[in-house]
PDB file of all heavy atoms in Angstrom:
ATOM      1  N   PRO A   1       3.882  17.513 -22.399  1.00  0.00           N
ATOM      2  CA  PRO A   1       3.153  18.092 -21.271  1.00  0.00           C
ATOM      3  C   PRO A   1       2.693  17.000 -20.301  1.00  0.00           C
ATOM      4  O   PRO A   1       2.628  15.828 -20.645  1.00  0.00           O
ATOM      5  CB  PRO A   1       1.943  18.733 -21.944  1.00  0.00           C
ATOM      6  CG  PRO A   1       1.658  17.791 -23.094  1.00  0.00           C
ATOM      7  CD  PRO A   1       3.020  17.350 -23.593  1.00  0.00           C
ATOM      8  N   THR A   2       2.372  17.411 -19.080  1.00  0.00           N
ATOM      9  CA  THR A   2       1.666  16.516 -18.165  1.00  0.00           C
ATOM     10  C   THR A   2       0.171  16.654 -18.452  1.00  0.00           C
ATOM     11  O   THR A   2      -0.258  17.550 -19.190  1.00  0.00           O
ATOM     12  CB  THR A   2       1.958  16.878 -16.708  1.00  0.00           C
ATOM     13  OG1 THR A   2       1.528  18.226 -16.471  1.00  0.00           O
ATOM     14  CG2 THR A   2       3.441  16.729 -16.402  1.00  0.00           C
ATOM     15  N   TYR A   3      -0.609  15.789 -17.829  1.00  0.00           N
ATOM     16  CA  TYR A   3      -2.061  15.793 -18.064  1.00  0.00           C
ATOM     17  C   TYR A   3      -2.660  17.166 -17.774  1.00  0.00           C
ATOM     18  O   TYR A   3      -3.531  17.638 -18.508  1.00  0.00           O
ATOM     19  CB  TYR A   3      -2.739  14.740 -17.185  1.00  0.00           C
ATOM     20  CG  TYR A   3      -4.246  14.788 -17.246  1.00  0.00           C
ATOM     21  CD1 TYR A   3      -4.938  14.202 -18.302  1.00  0.00           C
ATOM     22  CD2 TYR A   3      -4.980  15.450 -16.265  1.00  0.00           C
ATOM     23  CE1 TYR A   3      -6.328  14.264 -18.369  1.00  0.00           C
ATOM     24  CE2 TYR A   3      -6.362  15.513 -16.317  1.00  0.00           C
ATOM     25  CZ  TYR A   3      -7.032  14.922 -17.376  1.00  0.00           C
ATOM     26  OH  TYR A   3      -8.407  14.989 -17.441  1.00  0.00           O
ATOM     27  N   HIS A   4      -2.194  17.820 -16.691  1.00  0.00           N
ATOM     28  CA  HIS A   4      -2.820  19.066 -16.249  1.00  0.00           C
ATOM     29  C   HIS A   4      -2.776  20.132 -17.343  1.00  0.00           C
ATOM     30  O   HIS A   4      -3.800  20.738 -17.674  1.00  0.00           O
ATOM     31  CB  HIS A   4      -2.142  19.564 -14.974  1.00  0.00           C
ATOM     32  CG  HIS A   4      -2.080  18.530 -13.898  1.00  0.00           C
ATOM     33  ND1 HIS A   4      -3.222  18.003 -13.324  1.00  0.00           N
ATOM     34  CD2 HIS A   4      -1.029  17.905 -13.302  1.00  0.00           C
ATOM     35  CE1 HIS A   4      -2.864  17.101 -12.415  1.00  0.00           C
ATOM     36  NE2 HIS A   4      -1.553  17.017 -12.391  1.00  0.00           N
ATOM     37  N   LEU A   5      -1.603  20.358 -17.903  1.00  0.00           N
ATOM     38  CA  LEU A   5      -1.489  21.380 -18.949  1.00  0.00           C
ATOM     39  C   LEU A   5      -2.176  20.915 -20.234  1.00  0.00           C
ATOM     40  O   LEU A   5      -2.922  21.682 -20.855  1.00  0.00           O
ATOM     41  CB  LEU A   5      -0.019  21.696 -19.233  1.00  0.00           C
ATOM     42  CG  LEU A   5       0.209  22.760 -20.323  1.00  0.00           C
ATOM     43  CD1 LEU A   5      -0.294  24.122 -19.866  1.00  0.00           C
ATOM     44  CD2 LEU A   5       1.681  22.837 -20.717  1.00  0.00           C
ATOM     45  N   ALA A   6      -1.927  19.671 -20.632  1.00  0.00           N
ATOM     46  CA  ALA A   6      -2.448  19.177 -21.912  1.00  0.00           C
ATOM     47  C   ALA A   6      -3.968  19.220 -21.952  1.00  0.00           C
ATOM     48  O   ALA A   6      -4.566  19.646 -22.951  1.00  0.00           O
ATOM     49  CB  ALA A   6      -1.945  17.769 -22.169  1.00  0.00           C
ATOM     50  N   SER A   7      -4.619  18.792 -20.882  1.00  0.00           N
ATOM     51  CA  SER A   7      -6.081  18.754 -20.901  1.00  0.00           C
ATOM     52  C   SER A   7      -6.667  20.159 -20.952  1.00  0.00           C
ATOM     53  O   SER A   7      -7.651  20.409 -21.668  1.00  0.00           O
ATOM     54  CB  SER A   7      -6.615  17.993 -19.677  1.00  0.00           C
ATOM     55  OG  SER A   7      -6.293  18.667 -18.474  1.00  0.00           O
ATOM     56  N   VAL A   8      -6.055  21.088 -20.220  1.00  0.00           N
ATOM     57  CA  VAL A   8      -6.545  22.471 -20.232  1.00  0.00           C
ATOM     58  C   VAL A   8      -6.354  23.097 -21.613  1.00  0.00           C
ATOM     59  O   VAL A   8      -7.278  23.708 -22.174  1.00  0.00           O
ATOM     60  CB  VAL A   8      -5.830  23.300 -19.143  1.00  0.00           C
ATOM     61  CG1 VAL A   8      -6.073  24.798 -19.344  1.00  0.00           C
ATOM     62  CG2 VAL A   8      -6.305  22.872 -17.757  1.00  0.00           C
ATOM     63  N   VAL A   9      -5.158  22.973 -22.158  1.00  0.00           N
ATOM     64  CA  VAL A   9      -4.867  23.556 -23.475  1.00  0.00           C
ATOM     65  C   VAL A   9      -5.774  22.956 -24.547  1.00  0.00           C
ATOM     66  O   VAL A   9      -6.364  23.677 -25.361  1.00  0.00           O
ATOM     67  CB  VAL A   9      -3.381  23.357 -23.833  1.00  0.00           C
ATOM     68  CG1 VAL A   9      -3.120  23.726 -25.291  1.00  0.00           C
ATOM     69  CG2 VAL A   9      -2.497  24.195 -22.915  1.00  0.00           C
ATOM     70  N   ASP A  10      -5.894  21.636 -24.548  1.00  0.00           N
ATOM     71  CA  ASP A  10      -6.685  20.990 -25.594  1.00  0.00           C
ATOM     72  C   ASP A  10      -8.176  21.279 -25.451  1.00  0.00           C
ATOM     73  O   ASP A  10      -8.873  21.495 -26.444  1.00  0.00           O
ATOM     74  CB  ASP A  10      -6.438  19.481 -25.584  1.00  0.00           C
ATOM     75  CG  ASP A  10      -5.069  19.115 -26.142  1.00  0.00           C
ATOM     76  OD1 ASP A  10      -4.491  19.960 -26.845  1.00  0.00           O
ATOM     77  OD2 ASP A  10      -4.590  18.010 -25.868  1.00  0.00           O
ATOM     78  N   ASP A  11      -8.691  21.260 -24.224  1.00  0.00           N
ATOM     79  CA  ASP A  11     -10.113  21.564 -24.044  1.00  0.00           C
ATOM     80  C   ASP A  11     -10.420  22.990 -24.499  1.00  0.00           C
ATOM     81  O   ASP A  11     -11.473  23.253 -25.092  1.00  0.00           O
ATOM     82  CB  ASP A  11     -10.522  21.379 -22.578  1.00  0.00           C
ATOM     83  CG  ASP A  11     -10.593  19.910 -22.174  1.00  0.00           C
ATOM     84  OD1 ASP A  11     -10.623  19.048 -23.076  1.00  0.00           O
ATOM     85  OD2 ASP A  11     -10.624  19.626 -20.958  1.00  0.00           O
ATOM     86  N   HIS A  12      -9.481  23.895 -24.256  1.00  0.00           N
ATOM     87  CA  HIS A  12      -9.672  25.281 -24.704  1.00  0.00           C
ATOM     88  C   HIS A  12      -9.660  25.377 -26.232  1.00  0.00           C
ATOM     89  O   HIS A  12     -10.584  25.923 -26.839  1.00  0.00           O
ATOM     90  CB  HIS A  12      -8.573  26.180 -24.121  1.00  0.00           C
ATOM     91  CG  HIS A  12      -8.556  27.552 -24.717  1.00  0.00           C
ATOM     92  ND1 HIS A  12      -9.519  28.500 -24.452  1.00  0.00           N
ATOM     93  CD2 HIS A  12      -7.682  28.132 -25.591  1.00  0.00           C
ATOM     94  CE1 HIS A  12      -9.252  29.601 -25.124  1.00  0.00           C
ATOM     95  NE2 HIS A  12      -8.138  29.416 -25.830  1.00  0.00           N
ATOM     96  N   HIS A  13      -8.612  24.853 -26.842  1.00  0.00           N
ATOM     97  CA  HIS A  13      -8.480  24.991 -28.303  1.00  0.00           C
ATOM     98  C   HIS A  13      -9.501  24.152 -29.071  1.00  0.00           C
ATOM     99  O   HIS A  13      -9.807  24.473 -30.223  1.00  0.00           O
ATOM    100  CB  HIS A  13      -7.067  24.632 -28.742  1.00  0.00           C
ATOM    101  CG  HIS A  13      -6.055  25.688 -28.409  1.00  0.00           C
ATOM    102  ND1 HIS A  13      -6.060  26.941 -28.977  1.00  0.00           N
ATOM    103  CD2 HIS A  13      -5.006  25.699 -27.541  1.00  0.00           C
ATOM    104  CE1 HIS A  13      -5.075  27.670 -28.495  1.00  0.00           C
ATOM    105  NE2 HIS A  13      -4.415  26.931 -27.606  1.00  0.00           N
ATOM    106  N   MET A  14     -10.004  23.111 -28.463  1.00  0.00           N
ATOM    107  CA  MET A  14     -11.020  22.283 -29.132  1.00  0.00           C
ATOM    108  C   MET A  14     -12.432  22.779 -28.847  1.00  0.00           C
ATOM    109  O   MET A  14     -13.398  22.173 -29.294  1.00  0.00           O
ATOM    110  CB  MET A  14     -10.865  20.830 -28.716  1.00  0.00           C
ATOM    111  CG  MET A  14      -9.613  20.175 -29.269  1.00  0.00           C
ATOM    112  SD  MET A  14      -9.507  18.413 -28.835  1.00  0.00           S
ATOM    113  CE  MET A  14      -8.062  17.925 -29.815  1.00  0.00           C
ATOM    114  N   GLY A  15     -12.538  23.858 -28.082  1.00  0.00           N
ATOM    115  CA  GLY A  15     -13.859  24.439 -27.840  1.00  0.00           C
ATOM    116  C   GLY A  15     -14.755  23.553 -26.996  1.00  0.00           C
ATOM    117  O   GLY A  15     -15.982  23.564 -27.177  1.00  0.00           O
ATOM    118  N   ILE A  16     -14.166  22.794 -26.070  1.00  0.00           N
ATOM    119  CA  ILE A  16     -14.959  21.882 -25.243  1.00  0.00           C
ATOM    120  C   ILE A  16     -15.842  22.696 -24.294  1.00  0.00           C
ATOM    121  O   ILE A  16     -15.350  23.548 -23.541  1.00  0.00           O
ATOM    122  CB  ILE A  16     -14.042  20.929 -24.442  1.00  0.00           C
ATOM    123  CG1 ILE A  16     -13.180  20.089 -25.397  1.00  0.00           C
ATOM    124  CG2 ILE A  16     -14.857  20.036 -23.524  1.00  0.00           C
ATOM    125  CD1 ILE A  16     -13.951  19.255 -26.399  1.00  0.00           C
ATOM    126  N   SER A  17     -17.129  22.431 -24.320  1.00  0.00           N
ATOM    127  CA  SER A  17     -18.073  23.183 -23.483  1.00  0.00           C
ATOM    128  C   SER A  17     -18.317  22.508 -22.146  1.00  0.00           C
ATOM    129  O   SER A  17     -18.591  23.169 -21.144  1.00  0.00           O
ATOM    130  CB  SER A  17     -19.408  23.352 -24.220  1.00  0.00           C
ATOM    131  OG  SER A  17     -20.011  22.076 -24.463  1.00  0.00           O
ATOM    132  N   HIS A  18     -18.265  21.170 -22.133  1.00  0.00           N
ATOM    133  CA  HIS A  18     -18.525  20.402 -20.919  1.00  0.00           C
ATOM    134  C   HIS A  18     -17.503  19.274 -20.820  1.00  0.00           C
ATOM    135  O   HIS A  18     -17.289  18.543 -21.791  1.00  0.00           O
ATOM    136  CB  HIS A  18     -19.929  19.795 -20.925  1.00  0.00           C
ATOM    137  CG  HIS A  18     -21.028  20.813 -20.951  1.00  0.00           C
ATOM    138  ND1 HIS A  18     -21.361  21.500 -22.103  1.00  0.00           N
ATOM    139  CD2 HIS A  18     -21.867  21.252 -19.967  1.00  0.00           C
ATOM    140  CE1 HIS A  18     -22.373  22.328 -21.823  1.00  0.00           C
ATOM    141  NE2 HIS A  18     -22.694  22.195 -20.542  1.00  0.00           N
ATOM    142  N   VAL A  19     -16.900  19.135 -19.651  1.00  0.00           N
ATOM    143  CA  VAL A  19     -15.968  18.037 -19.407  1.00  0.00           C
ATOM    144  C   VAL A  19     -16.661  17.023 -18.502  1.00  0.00           C
ATOM    145  O   VAL A  19     -16.917  17.295 -17.333  1.00  0.00           O
ATOM    146  CB  VAL A  19     -14.666  18.541 -18.754  1.00  0.00           C
ATOM    147  CG1 VAL A  19     -13.797  17.364 -18.329  1.00  0.00           C
ATOM    148  CG2 VAL A  19     -13.906  19.442 -19.718  1.00  0.00           C
ATOM    149  N   LEU A  20     -16.989  15.872 -19.065  1.00  0.00           N
ATOM    150  CA  LEU A  20     -17.570  14.760 -18.308  1.00  0.00           C
ATOM    151  C   LEU A  20     -16.475  13.713 -18.171  1.00  0.00           C
ATOM    152  O   LEU A  20     -16.106  13.063 -19.145  1.00  0.00           O
ATOM    153  CB  LEU A  20     -18.782  14.166 -19.036  1.00  0.00           C
ATOM    154  CG  LEU A  20     -20.130  14.883 -18.901  1.00  0.00           C
ATOM    155  CD1 LEU A  20     -20.083  16.282 -19.524  1.00  0.00           C
ATOM    156  CD2 LEU A  20     -21.236  14.061 -19.568  1.00  0.00           C
ATOM    157  N   ARG A  21     -15.924  13.590 -16.971  1.00  0.00           N
ATOM    158  CA  ARG A  21     -14.819  12.664 -16.765  1.00  0.00           C
ATOM    159  C   ARG A  21     -14.962  11.985 -15.401  1.00  0.00           C
ATOM    160  O   ARG A  21     -15.824  12.342 -14.604  1.00  0.00           O
ATOM    161  CB  ARG A  21     -13.473  13.402 -16.870  1.00  0.00           C
ATOM    162  CG  ARG A  21     -13.263  14.497 -15.834  1.00  0.00           C
ATOM    163  CD  ARG A  21     -11.968  15.254 -16.084  1.00  0.00           C
ATOM    164  NE  ARG A  21     -11.794  16.369 -15.136  1.00  0.00           N
ATOM    165  CZ  ARG A  21     -10.838  17.270 -15.216  1.00  0.00           C
ATOM    166  NH1 ARG A  21      -9.946  17.209 -16.203  1.00  0.00           N
ATOM    167  NH2 ARG A  21     -10.743  18.251 -14.330  1.00  0.00           N
ATOM    168  N   GLY A  22     -14.101  11.019 -15.140  1.00  0.00           N
ATOM    169  CA  GLY A  22     -14.179  10.246 -13.913  1.00  0.00           C
ATOM    170  C   GLY A  22     -13.952  11.084 -12.662  1.00  0.00           C
ATOM    171  O   GLY A  22     -13.214  12.080 -12.682  1.00  0.00           O
ATOM    172  N   SER A  23     -14.573  10.673 -11.562  1.00  0.00           N
ATOM    173  CA  SER A  23     -14.500  11.436 -10.316  1.00  0.00           C
ATOM    174  C   SER A  23     -13.095  11.470  -9.732  1.00  0.00           C
ATOM    175  O   SER A  23     -12.810  12.288  -8.852  1.00  0.00           O
ATOM    176  CB  SER A  23     -15.468  10.850  -9.288  1.00  0.00           C
ATOM    177  OG  SER A  23     -15.161   9.482  -9.036  1.00  0.00           O
ATOM    178  N   GLU A  24     -12.182  10.616 -10.227  1.00  0.00           N
ATOM    179  CA  GLU A  24     -10.816  10.649  -9.714  1.00  0.00           C
ATOM    180  C   GLU A  24     -10.114  11.970 -10.061  1.00  0.00           C
ATOM    181  O   GLU A  24      -9.093  12.312  -9.460  1.00  0.00           O
ATOM    182  CB  GLU A  24      -9.998   9.468 -10.253  1.00  0.00           C
ATOM    183  CG  GLU A  24      -9.727   9.477 -11.740  1.00  0.00           C
ATOM    184  CD  GLU A  24     -10.789   8.751 -12.565  1.00  0.00           C
ATOM    185  OE1 GLU A  24     -11.939   8.660 -12.084  1.00  0.00           O
ATOM    186  OE2 GLU A  24     -10.472   8.287 -13.683  1.00  0.00           O
ATOM    187  N   TRP A  25     -10.674  12.724 -11.031  1.00  0.00           N
ATOM    188  CA  TRP A  25     -10.083  14.013 -11.421  1.00  0.00           C
ATOM    189  C   TRP A  25     -10.727  15.193 -10.704  1.00  0.00           C
ATOM    190  O   TRP A  25     -10.348  16.347 -10.949  1.00  0.00           O
ATOM    191  CB  TRP A  25     -10.194  14.211 -12.938  1.00  0.00           C
ATOM    192  CG  TRP A  25      -9.376  13.230 -13.717  1.00  0.00           C
ATOM    193  CD1 TRP A  25      -9.823  12.193 -14.471  1.00  0.00           C
ATOM    194  CD2 TRP A  25      -7.945  13.183 -13.778  1.00  0.00           C
ATOM    195  NE1 TRP A  25      -8.773  11.490 -15.007  1.00  0.00           N
ATOM    196  CE2 TRP A  25      -7.595  12.081 -14.600  1.00  0.00           C
ATOM    197  CE3 TRP A  25      -6.924  13.960 -13.234  1.00  0.00           C
ATOM    198  CZ2 TRP A  25      -6.280  11.740 -14.885  1.00  0.00           C
ATOM    199  CZ3 TRP A  25      -5.601  13.618 -13.509  1.00  0.00           C
ATOM    200  CH2 TRP A  25      -5.298  12.522 -14.320  1.00  0.00           C
ATOM    201  N   LEU A  26     -11.670  14.940  -9.810  1.00  0.00           N
ATOM    202  CA  LEU A  26     -12.366  16.030  -9.122  1.00  0.00           C
ATOM    203  C   LEU A  26     -11.398  16.900  -8.321  1.00  0.00           C
ATOM    204  O   LEU A  26     -11.459  18.134  -8.372  1.00  0.00           O
ATOM    205  CB  LEU A  26     -13.449  15.443  -8.202  1.00  0.00           C
ATOM    206  CG  LEU A  26     -14.331  16.449  -7.453  1.00  0.00           C
ATOM    207  CD1 LEU A  26     -15.121  17.298  -8.433  1.00  0.00           C
ATOM    208  CD2 LEU A  26     -15.285  15.718  -6.500  1.00  0.00           C
ATOM    209  N   VAL A  27     -10.477  16.271  -7.597  1.00  0.00           N
ATOM    210  CA  VAL A  27      -9.525  17.011  -6.760  1.00  0.00           C
ATOM    211  C   VAL A  27      -8.592  17.873  -7.612  1.00  0.00           C
ATOM    212  O   VAL A  27      -8.163  18.949  -7.195  1.00  0.00           O
ATOM    213  CB  VAL A  27      -8.715  16.034  -5.880  1.00  0.00           C
ATOM    214  CG1 VAL A  27      -7.629  16.755  -5.112  1.00  0.00           C
ATOM    215  CG2 VAL A  27      -9.643  15.302  -4.912  1.00  0.00           C
ATOM    216  N   SER A  28      -8.288  17.416  -8.817  1.00  0.00           N
ATOM    217  CA  SER A  28      -7.364  18.155  -9.694  1.00  0.00           C
ATOM    218  C   SER A  28      -8.026  19.349 -10.374  1.00  0.00           C
ATOM    219  O   SER A  28      -7.336  20.196 -10.952  1.00  0.00           O
ATOM    220  CB  SER A  28      -6.798  17.222 -10.772  1.00  0.00           C
ATOM    221  OG  SER A  28      -6.015  16.207 -10.200  1.00  0.00           O
ATOM    222  N   THR A  29      -9.347  19.430 -10.313  1.00  0.00           N
ATOM    223  CA  THR A  29     -10.043  20.466 -11.079  1.00  0.00           C
ATOM    224  C   THR A  29      -9.681  21.872 -10.602  1.00  0.00           C
ATOM    225  O   THR A  29      -9.558  22.801 -11.404  1.00  0.00           O
ATOM    226  CB  THR A  29     -11.567  20.233 -11.020  1.00  0.00           C
ATOM    227  OG1 THR A  29     -11.852  18.917 -11.491  1.00  0.00           O
ATOM    228  CG2 THR A  29     -12.301  21.230 -11.903  1.00  0.00           C
ATOM    229  N   SER A  30      -9.491  22.048  -9.283  1.00  0.00           N
ATOM    230  CA  SER A  30      -9.090  23.375  -8.787  1.00  0.00           C
ATOM    231  C   SER A  30      -7.755  23.796  -9.410  1.00  0.00           C
ATOM    232  O   SER A  30      -7.539  24.957  -9.766  1.00  0.00           O
ATOM    233  CB  SER A  30      -8.969  23.347  -7.262  1.00  0.00           C
ATOM    234  OG  SER A  30     -10.260  23.222  -6.675  1.00  0.00           O
ATOM    235  N   LYS A  31      -6.842  22.844  -9.536  1.00  0.00           N
ATOM    236  CA  LYS A  31      -5.550  23.100 -10.172  1.00  0.00           C
ATOM    237  C   LYS A  31      -5.759  23.514 -11.640  1.00  0.00           C
ATOM    238  O   LYS A  31      -5.110  24.449 -12.146  1.00  0.00           O
ATOM    239  CB  LYS A  31      -4.700  21.827 -10.087  1.00  0.00           C
ATOM    240  CG  LYS A  31      -3.238  21.997 -10.425  1.00  0.00           C
ATOM    241  CD  LYS A  31      -2.528  20.648 -10.435  1.00  0.00           C
ATOM    242  CE  LYS A  31      -2.763  19.874  -9.149  1.00  0.00           C
ATOM    243  NZ  LYS A  31      -2.078  18.555  -9.158  1.00  0.00           N
ATOM    244  N   HIS A  32      -6.663  22.825 -12.311  1.00  0.00           N
ATOM    245  CA  HIS A  32      -6.924  23.144 -13.715  1.00  0.00           C
ATOM    246  C   HIS A  32      -7.565  24.525 -13.848  1.00  0.00           C
ATOM    247  O   HIS A  32      -7.268  25.275 -14.790  1.00  0.00           O
ATOM    248  CB  HIS A  32      -7.809  22.063 -14.333  1.00  0.00           C
ATOM    249  CG  HIS A  32      -7.173  20.715 -14.321  1.00  0.00           C
ATOM    250  ND1 HIS A  32      -7.874  19.542 -14.514  1.00  0.00           N
ATOM    251  CD2 HIS A  32      -5.885  20.339 -14.115  1.00  0.00           C
ATOM    252  CE1 HIS A  32      -7.040  18.515 -14.426  1.00  0.00           C
ATOM    253  NE2 HIS A  32      -5.836  18.981 -14.187  1.00  0.00           N
TER     254      HIS A  32
END
């Protein structure tokens, strides 16, 4: 997978409640 799919799938299946990550991913969040 690319980062976009992998991060969404893994955060969902791992039950992640809050994503604290670098601001460089802010623009990609709408896509996620």
